[in-house]
Amino acid sequence: FRFASDRGAMHRQKRQKRQADFKHLKFKVGRRAPVRDNVTRTDFAFRAVHVPTQAGLAEKSEELVTSRKLTLQNLLAQIRHHNHRVRSDALVGFRELVTKHPQLMQLEWARIVQAVLSMIVDAEAPVRRAVIALLELMLPSASEVVFAPFARTFVVYISSALSHTDAAVQRDALFVLRLCLQKHGDALRPFVHSLYPNLVSVFSRRISHLARSPTTVAAHGGGGDDDDDDDD
């Protein structure tokens, strides 16, 4: 009987608790109802943050034009053109803008670098030469703080160019690597180890080529010298 009475008491407590959850509480007129624990607050205040300098700088960078009346946005679009002459002219336009307006490198460094780096592996030599000319201007002027976030990206694209099947692309990648190391060697140090396999492969092929060259020269040039001696 005691066990049955205990179960009955527990059942009544649970029923009373469920009824309490749905019970409508009555409050006296003029008194504010207490705030429940599960009520979501909606009285937060929001304020917009306006940074006029950033907006002004962005608008100013778009107002700058080249001698051909091309804006930065125009050049960013042309750099993906299927015609290599258009791509090369766009890179020359970047260089013109950066030369005329040095502040553009600080305002639009990220957009320019991200667009230009992929052109290191371009199949056309004029495009790669234009990339190198632009980086020769931009890299020495970039501070370590500006360059550091892009160090890994530089290494990835340089590594891709070093593994290219075209020896000319590999050679231009070495030029870009040298430019980066001259100014930003400290920022590249944590990532340079990933370049070692490709660098070893490139230098091995170049050494092998140079080793074969004297034999080729001697085979052709040596015969010419003998002919001259015979003539004398």
C-alpha atoms as a PDB file:
ATOM      1  CA  PHE A   1       0.000   0.000   0.000  1.00  0.00           C
ATOM      2  CA  ARG A   2       2.847   2.393   0.748  1.00  0.00           C
ATOM      3  CA  PHE A   3       4.333   1.835  -2.698  1.00  0.00           C
ATOM      4  CA  ALA A   4       0.998   2.556  -4.349  1.00  0.00           C
ATOM      5  CA  SER A   5       0.549   5.753  -2.340  1.00  0.00           C
ATOM      6  CA  ASP A   6       4.043   6.979  -3.308  1.00  0.00           C
ATOM      7  CA  ARG A   7       3.291   6.437  -6.985  1.00  0.00           C
ATOM      8  CA  GLY A   8       0.043   8.343  -6.600  1.00  0.00           C
ATOM      9  CA  ALA A   9       1.821  11.271  -4.955  1.00  0.00           C
ATOM     10  CA  MET A  10       4.416  11.416  -7.757  1.00  0.00           C
ATOM     11  CA  HIS A  11       1.679  11.344 -10.373  1.00  0.00           C
ATOM     12  CA  ARG A  12      -0.144  14.239  -8.720  1.00  0.00           C
ATOM     13  CA  GLN A  13       3.079  16.293  -8.541  1.00  0.00           C
ATOM     14  CA  LYS A  14       3.746  15.796 -12.241  1.00  0.00           C
ATOM     15  CA  ARG A  15       0.183  16.732 -13.155  1.00  0.00           C
ATOM     16  CA  GLN A  16       0.338  19.876 -11.028  1.00  0.00           C
ATOM     17  CA  LYS A  17       3.625  20.848 -12.659  1.00  0.00           C
ATOM     18  CA  ARG A  18       2.181  20.447 -16.146  1.00  0.00           C
ATOM     19  CA  GLN A  19      -0.835  22.505 -15.199  1.00  0.00           C
ATOM     20  CA  ALA A  20       1.408  25.224 -13.758  1.00  0.00           C
ATOM     21  CA  ASP A  21       3.229  25.559 -17.095  1.00  0.00           C
ATOM     22  CA  PHE A  22       0.001  26.399 -18.908  1.00  0.00           C
ATOM     23  CA  LYS A  23      -1.655  28.292 -16.118  1.00  0.00           C
ATOM     24  CA  HIS A  24      -2.651  31.873 -16.972  1.00  0.00           C
ATOM     25  CA  LEU A  25      -1.376  34.145 -14.227  1.00  0.00           C
ATOM     26  CA  LYS A  26      -3.498  37.112 -13.246  1.00  0.00           C
ATOM     27  CA  PHE A  27      -1.802  40.337 -12.212  1.00  0.00           C
ATOM     28  CA  LYS A  28      -3.170  43.383 -10.512  1.00  0.00           C
ATOM     29  CA  VAL A  29      -3.954  46.405 -12.638  1.00  0.00           C
ATOM     30  CA  GLY A  30      -1.045  48.875 -12.806  1.00  0.00           C
ATOM     31  CA  ARG A  31       1.619  46.327 -12.016  1.00  0.00           C
ATOM     32  CA  ARG A  32       4.092  45.146 -14.639  1.00  0.00           C
ATOM     33  CA  ALA A  33       4.208  41.419 -15.226  1.00  0.00           C
ATOM     34  CA  PRO A  34       7.488  39.725 -14.285  1.00  0.00           C
ATOM     35  CA  VAL A  35       9.777  38.805 -17.194  1.00  0.00           C
ATOM     36  CA  ARG A  36       9.905  35.096 -17.864  1.00  0.00           C
ATOM     37  CA  ASP A  37      13.151  33.228 -18.412  1.00  0.00           C
ATOM     38  CA  ASN A  38      12.264  32.073 -21.913  1.00  0.00           C
ATOM     39  CA  VAL A  39      11.350  35.512 -23.277  1.00  0.00           C
ATOM     40  CA  THR A  40      13.491  36.754 -26.200  1.00  0.00           C
ATOM     41  CA  ARG A  41      14.666  40.308 -25.876  1.00  0.00           C
ATOM     42  CA  THR A  42      13.883  42.588 -28.803  1.00  0.00           C
ATOM     43  CA  ASP A  43      14.917  45.922 -27.342  1.00  0.00           C
ATOM     44  CA  PHE A  44      18.480  45.908 -28.650  1.00  0.00           C
ATOM     45  CA  ALA A  45      19.689  49.112 -30.248  1.00  0.00           C
ATOM     46  CA  PHE A  46      21.505  48.978 -33.588  1.00  0.00           C
ATOM     47  CA  ARG A  47      23.644  51.668 -35.141  1.00  0.00           C
ATOM     48  CA  ALA A  48      25.230  51.749 -38.578  1.00  0.00           C
ATOM     49  CA  VAL A  49      28.988  52.252 -38.725  1.00  0.00           C
ATOM     50  CA  HIS A  50      29.944  54.637 -41.494  1.00  0.00           C
ATOM     51  CA  VAL A  51      33.574  54.799 -42.599  1.00  0.00           C
ATOM     52  CA  PRO A  52      33.776  57.631 -45.111  1.00  0.00           C
ATOM     53  CA  THR A  53      37.504  57.230 -45.767  1.00  0.00           C
ATOM     54  CA  GLN A  54      37.218  53.688 -47.158  1.00  0.00           C
ATOM     55  CA  ALA A  55      34.316  54.559 -49.424  1.00  0.00           C
ATOM     56  CA  GLY A  56      36.134  57.643 -50.611  1.00  0.00           C
ATOM     57  CA  LEU A  57      39.287  55.694 -51.382  1.00  0.00           C
ATOM     58  CA  ALA A  58      37.380  53.055 -53.330  1.00  0.00           C
ATOM     59  CA  GLU A  59      35.624  55.709 -55.402  1.00  0.00           C
ATOM     60  CA  LYS A  60      38.896  57.516 -55.998  1.00  0.00           C
ATOM     61  CA  SER A  61      40.642  54.384 -57.273  1.00  0.00           C
ATOM     62  CA  GLU A  62      37.862  53.889 -59.822  1.00  0.00           C
ATOM     63  CA  GLU A  63      38.227  57.470 -61.038  1.00  0.00           C
ATOM     64  CA  LEU A  64      41.885  56.943 -62.010  1.00  0.00           C
ATOM     65  CA  VAL A  65      42.336  56.150 -65.691  1.00  0.00           C
ATOM     66  CA  THR A  66      45.157  55.289 -68.059  1.00  0.00           C
ATOM     67  CA  SER A  67      46.114  57.256 -71.156  1.00  0.00           C
ATOM     68  CA  ARG A  68      43.606  55.059 -72.998  1.00  0.00           C
ATOM     69  CA  LYS A  69      40.853  56.121 -70.544  1.00  0.00           C
ATOM     70  CA  LEU A  70      40.685  52.692 -68.923  1.00  0.00           C
ATOM     71  CA  THR A  71      39.840  52.343 -65.245  1.00  0.00           C
ATOM     72  CA  LEU A  72      41.131  49.707 -62.873  1.00  0.00           C
ATOM     73  CA  GLN A  73      37.923  47.728 -63.327  1.00  0.00           C
ATOM     74  CA  ASN A  74      38.368  47.815 -67.108  1.00  0.00           C
ATOM     75  CA  LEU A  75      41.895  46.459 -66.777  1.00  0.00           C
ATOM     76  CA  LEU A  76      40.786  43.701 -64.417  1.00  0.00           C
ATOM     77  CA  ALA A  77      38.273  42.587 -67.040  1.00  0.00           C
ATOM     78  CA  GLN A  78      40.750  42.735 -69.931  1.00  0.00           C
ATOM     79  CA  ILE A  79      43.383  40.675 -68.132  1.00  0.00           C
ATOM     80  CA  ARG A  80      41.183  37.597 -68.727  1.00  0.00           C
ATOM     81  CA  HIS A  81      40.739  38.279 -72.441  1.00  0.00           C
ATOM     82  CA  HIS A  82      41.380  35.416 -74.870  1.00  0.00           C
ATOM     83  CA  ASN A  83      43.698  37.599 -76.970  1.00  0.00           C
ATOM     84  CA  HIS A  84      47.194  37.715 -75.501  1.00  0.00           C
ATOM     85  CA  ARG A  85      47.771  41.251 -76.833  1.00  0.00           C
ATOM     86  CA  VAL A  86      44.786  42.505 -74.852  1.00  0.00           C
ATOM     87  CA  ARG A  87      46.111  40.758 -71.733  1.00  0.00           C
ATOM     88  CA  SER A  88      49.540  42.251 -72.250  1.00  0.00           C
ATOM     89  CA  ASP A  89      48.110  45.750 -72.795  1.00  0.00           C
ATOM     90  CA  ALA A  90      46.077  45.393 -69.599  1.00  0.00           C
ATOM     91  CA  LEU A  91      49.241  44.614 -67.626  1.00  0.00           C
ATOM     92  CA  VAL A  92      50.923  47.640 -69.176  1.00  0.00           C
ATOM     93  CA  GLY A  93      47.888  49.658 -68.092  1.00  0.00           C
ATOM     94  CA  PHE A  94      48.308  48.417 -64.516  1.00  0.00           C
ATOM     95  CA  ARG A  95      51.914  49.569 -64.598  1.00  0.00           C
ATOM     96  CA  GLU A  96      50.883  52.972 -65.938  1.00  0.00           C
ATOM     97  CA  LEU A  97      48.302  53.459 -63.195  1.00  0.00           C
ATOM     98  CA  VAL A  98      50.693  52.389 -60.459  1.00  0.00           C
ATOM     99  CA  THR A  99      53.429  54.661 -61.826  1.00  0.00           C
ATOM    100  CA  LYS A 100      51.169  57.713 -62.080  1.00  0.00           C
ATOM    101  CA  HIS A 101      49.345  57.043 -58.818  1.00  0.00           C
ATOM    102  CA  PRO A 102      51.608  55.235 -56.293  1.00  0.00           C
ATOM    103  CA  GLN A 103      48.841  55.329 -53.683  1.00  0.00           C
ATOM    104  CA  LEU A 104      46.949  52.826 -55.823  1.00  0.00           C
ATOM    105  CA  MET A 105      49.297  50.066 -54.664  1.00  0.00           C
ATOM    106  CA  GLN A 106      48.079  50.523 -51.107  1.00  0.00           C
ATOM    107  CA  LEU A 107      44.428  50.918 -52.061  1.00  0.00           C
ATOM    108  CA  GLU A 108      44.145  48.070 -54.553  1.00  0.00           C
ATOM    109  CA  TRP A 109      47.166  45.858 -53.828  1.00  0.00           C
ATOM    110  CA  ALA A 110      45.048  42.761 -53.170  1.00  0.00           C
ATOM    111  CA  ARG A 111      42.923  43.027 -56.313  1.00  0.00           C
ATOM    112  CA  ILE A 112      45.892  43.714 -58.588  1.00  0.00           C
ATOM    113  CA  VAL A 113      48.106  40.957 -57.178  1.00  0.00           C
ATOM    114  CA  GLN A 114      45.382  38.312 -57.237  1.00  0.00           C
ATOM    115  CA  ALA A 115      44.663  39.144 -60.876  1.00  0.00           C
ATOM    116  CA  VAL A 116      48.300  39.323 -61.967  1.00  0.00           C
ATOM    117  CA  LEU A 117      49.796  36.259 -60.266  1.00  0.00           C
ATOM    118  CA  SER A 118      47.879  33.775 -62.399  1.00  0.00           C
ATOM    119  CA  MET A 119      49.536  35.309 -65.483  1.00  0.00           C
ATOM    120  CA  ILE A 120      52.959  33.982 -64.414  1.00  0.00           C
ATOM    121  CA  VAL A 121      52.105  30.735 -66.194  1.00  0.00           C
ATOM    122  CA  ASP A 122      50.699  32.433 -69.297  1.00  0.00           C
ATOM    123  CA  ALA A 123      51.709  30.689 -72.495  1.00  0.00           C
ATOM    124  CA  GLU A 124      52.641  33.962 -74.211  1.00  0.00           C
ATOM    125  CA  ALA A 125      56.063  35.471 -73.503  1.00  0.00           C
ATOM    126  CA  PRO A 126      54.954  39.144 -73.895  1.00  0.00           C
ATOM    127  CA  VAL A 127      52.343  38.615 -71.188  1.00  0.00           C
ATOM    128  CA  ARG A 128      54.876  37.107 -68.770  1.00  0.00           C
ATOM    129  CA  ARG A 129      57.345  39.921 -69.478  1.00  0.00           C
ATOM    130  CA  ALA A 130      54.618  42.453 -68.685  1.00  0.00           C
ATOM    131  CA  VAL A 131      53.915  40.625 -65.406  1.00  0.00           C
ATOM    132  CA  ILE A 132      57.589  40.760 -64.426  1.00  0.00           C
ATOM    133  CA  ALA A 133      57.794  44.471 -65.310  1.00  0.00           C
ATOM    134  CA  LEU A 134      54.765  45.180 -63.131  1.00  0.00           C
ATOM    135  CA  LEU A 135      56.079  43.148 -60.189  1.00  0.00           C
ATOM    136  CA  GLU A 136      59.445  44.894 -60.476  1.00  0.00           C
ATOM    137  CA  LEU A 137      57.556  48.095 -59.750  1.00  0.00           C
ATOM    138  CA  MET A 138      55.146  46.809 -57.109  1.00  0.00           C
ATOM    139  CA  LEU A 139      57.206  44.441 -54.953  1.00  0.00           C
ATOM    140  CA  PRO A 140      59.915  46.899 -53.814  1.00  0.00           C
ATOM    141  CA  SER A 141      57.239  49.421 -52.836  1.00  0.00           C
ATOM    142  CA  ALA A 142      55.150  46.968 -50.792  1.00  0.00           C
ATOM    143  CA  SER A 143      55.752  46.835 -47.057  1.00  0.00           C
ATOM    144  CA  GLU A 144      56.232  43.539 -45.242  1.00  0.00           C
ATOM    145  CA  VAL A 145      52.796  43.914 -43.660  1.00  0.00           C
ATOM    146  CA  VAL A 146      51.161  44.269 -47.075  1.00  0.00           C
ATOM    147  CA  PHE A 147      53.100  41.437 -48.727  1.00  0.00           C
ATOM    148  CA  ALA A 148      53.001  38.841 -45.922  1.00  0.00           C
ATOM    149  CA  PRO A 149      49.345  37.730 -46.420  1.00  0.00           C
ATOM    150  CA  PHE A 150      50.137  36.938 -50.067  1.00  0.00           C
ATOM    151  CA  ALA A 151      53.465  35.161 -49.502  1.00  0.00           C
ATOM    152  CA  ARG A 152      51.942  31.700 -49.716  1.00  0.00           C
ATOM    153  CA  THR A 153      49.968  32.659 -52.833  1.00  0.00           C
ATOM    154  CA  PHE A 154      53.154  33.853 -54.536  1.00  0.00           C
ATOM    155  CA  VAL A 155      54.876  30.571 -53.705  1.00  0.00           C
ATOM    156  CA  VAL A 156      51.959  28.507 -55.066  1.00  0.00           C
ATOM    157  CA  TYR A 157      51.979  30.285 -58.439  1.00  0.00           C
ATOM    158  CA  ILE A 158      55.771  30.291 -58.690  1.00  0.00           C
ATOM    159  CA  SER A 159      55.813  26.565 -57.936  1.00  0.00           C
ATOM    160  CA  SER A 160      53.217  25.989 -60.637  1.00  0.00           C
ATOM    161  CA  ALA A 161      55.312  27.938 -63.157  1.00  0.00           C
ATOM    162  CA  LEU A 162      58.491  26.046 -62.205  1.00  0.00           C
ATOM    163  CA  SER A 163      56.749  22.748 -62.931  1.00  0.00           C
ATOM    164  CA  HIS A 164      55.543  23.961 -66.339  1.00  0.00           C
ATOM    165  CA  THR A 165      56.614  21.994 -69.403  1.00  0.00           C
ATOM    166  CA  ASP A 166      57.795  25.172 -71.164  1.00  0.00           C
ATOM    167  CA  ALA A 167      61.367  26.056 -70.214  1.00  0.00           C
ATOM    168  CA  ALA A 168      60.661  29.749 -70.913  1.00  0.00           C
ATOM    169  CA  VAL A 169      57.874  29.757 -68.315  1.00  0.00           C
ATOM    170  CA  GLN A 170      60.253  28.127 -65.815  1.00  0.00           C
ATOM    171  CA  ARG A 171      62.900  30.760 -66.514  1.00  0.00           C
ATOM    172  CA  ASP A 172      60.441  33.618 -65.971  1.00  0.00           C
ATOM    173  CA  ALA A 173      59.280  31.972 -62.736  1.00  0.00           C
ATOM    174  CA  LEU A 174      62.883  32.154 -61.492  1.00  0.00           C
ATOM    175  CA  PHE A 175      62.880  35.894 -62.244  1.00  0.00           C
ATOM    176  CA  VAL A 176      59.709  36.349 -60.181  1.00  0.00           C
ATOM    177  CA  LEU A 177      61.155  34.278 -57.338  1.00  0.00           C
ATOM    178  CA  ARG A 178      64.306  36.382 -57.320  1.00  0.00           C
ATOM    179  CA  LEU A 179      62.232  39.579 -57.170  1.00  0.00           C
ATOM    180  CA  CYS A 180      60.299  38.247 -54.184  1.00  0.00           C
ATOM    181  CA  LEU A 181      63.394  37.063 -52.325  1.00  0.00           C
ATOM    182  CA  GLN A 182      65.225  40.348 -52.827  1.00  0.00           C
ATOM    183  CA  LYS A 183      62.582  42.345 -50.976  1.00  0.00           C
ATOM    184  CA  HIS A 184      60.447  39.886 -49.009  1.00  0.00           C
ATOM    185  CA  GLY A 185      62.693  36.937 -48.218  1.00  0.00           C
ATOM    186  CA  ASP A 186      61.606  36.825 -44.573  1.00  0.00           C
ATOM    187  CA  ALA A 187      57.928  36.554 -45.486  1.00  0.00           C
ATOM    188  CA  LEU A 188      58.642  33.752 -47.988  1.00  0.00           C
ATOM    189  CA  ARG A 189      60.902  31.721 -45.693  1.00  0.00           C
ATOM    190  CA  PRO A 190      58.100  29.595 -44.102  1.00  0.00           C
ATOM    191  CA  PHE A 191      56.893  28.466 -47.553  1.00  0.00           C
ATOM    192  CA  VAL A 192      60.082  28.241 -49.634  1.00  0.00           C
ATOM    193  CA  HIS A 193      60.651  24.575 -48.736  1.00  0.00           C
ATOM    194  CA  SER A 194      57.726  23.644 -50.985  1.00  0.00           C
ATOM    195  CA  LEU A 195      59.702  25.028 -53.964  1.00  0.00           C
ATOM    196  CA  TYR A 196      62.736  22.777 -53.438  1.00  0.00           C
ATOM    197  CA  PRO A 197      61.572  19.791 -55.553  1.00  0.00           C
ATOM    198  CA  ASN A 198      60.687  21.992 -58.525  1.00  0.00           C
ATOM    199  CA  LEU A 199      63.867  24.047 -58.191  1.00  0.00           C
ATOM    200  CA  VAL A 200      66.010  20.901 -58.144  1.00  0.00           C
ATOM    201  CA  SER A 201      64.225  19.636 -61.236  1.00  0.00           C
ATOM    202  CA  VAL A 202      64.669  22.933 -63.106  1.00  0.00           C
ATOM    203  CA  PHE A 203      68.356  23.297 -62.249  1.00  0.00           C
ATOM    204  CA  SER A 204      69.035  19.652 -63.054  1.00  0.00           C
ATOM    205  CA  ARG A 205      67.620  20.100 -66.532  1.00  0.00           C
ATOM    206  CA  ARG A 206      69.556  23.320 -67.070  1.00  0.00           C
ATOM    207  CA  ILE A 207      72.810  21.739 -65.908  1.00  0.00           C
ATOM    208  CA  SER A 208      72.192  18.771 -68.170  1.00  0.00           C
ATOM    209  CA  HIS A 209      71.543  21.109 -71.076  1.00  0.00           C
ATOM    210  CA  LEU A 210      74.713  23.105 -70.400  1.00  0.00           C
ATOM    211  CA  ALA A 211      76.694  19.892 -70.108  1.00  0.00           C
ATOM    212  CA  ARG A 212      75.586  18.854 -73.579  1.00  0.00           C
ATOM    213  CA  SER A 213      76.136  22.281 -75.143  1.00  0.00           C
ATOM    214  CA  PRO A 214      80.004  22.266 -75.229  1.00  0.00           C
ATOM    215  CA  THR A 215      79.933  18.900 -76.996  1.00  0.00           C
ATOM    216  CA  THR A 216      77.583  20.291 -79.600  1.00  0.00           C
ATOM    217  CA  VAL A 217      79.709  23.430 -80.055  1.00  0.00           C
ATOM    218  CA  ALA A 218      82.879  21.410 -80.353  1.00  0.00           C
ATOM    219  CA  ALA A 219      81.306  19.120 -82.903  1.00  0.00           C
ATOM    220  CA  HIS A 220      80.305  22.015 -85.132  1.00  0.00           C
ATOM    221  CA  GLY A 221      82.719  24.772 -84.180  1.00  0.00           C
ATOM    222  CA  GLY A 222      85.779  22.541 -83.947  1.00  0.00           C
ATOM    223  CA  GLY A 223      85.351  21.390 -87.501  1.00  0.00           C
ATOM    224  CA  GLY A 224      85.245  25.003 -88.653  1.00  0.00           C
ATOM    225  CA  ASP A 225      88.541  25.803 -86.942  1.00  0.00           C
ATOM    226  CA  ASP A 226      90.213  22.849 -88.630  1.00  0.00           C
ATOM    227  CA  ASP A 227      88.992  24.061 -91.999  1.00  0.00           C
ATOM    228  CA  ASP A 228      90.435  27.516 -91.319  1.00  0.00           C
ATOM    229  CA  ASP A 229      93.782  26.004 -90.403  1.00  0.00           C
ATOM    230  CA  ASP A 230      93.796  23.962 -93.571  1.00  0.00           C
ATOM    231  CA  ASP A 231      93.072  27.063 -95.622  1.00  0.00           C
ATOM    232  CA  ASP A 232      95.990  28.843 -94.000  1.00  0.00           C
END
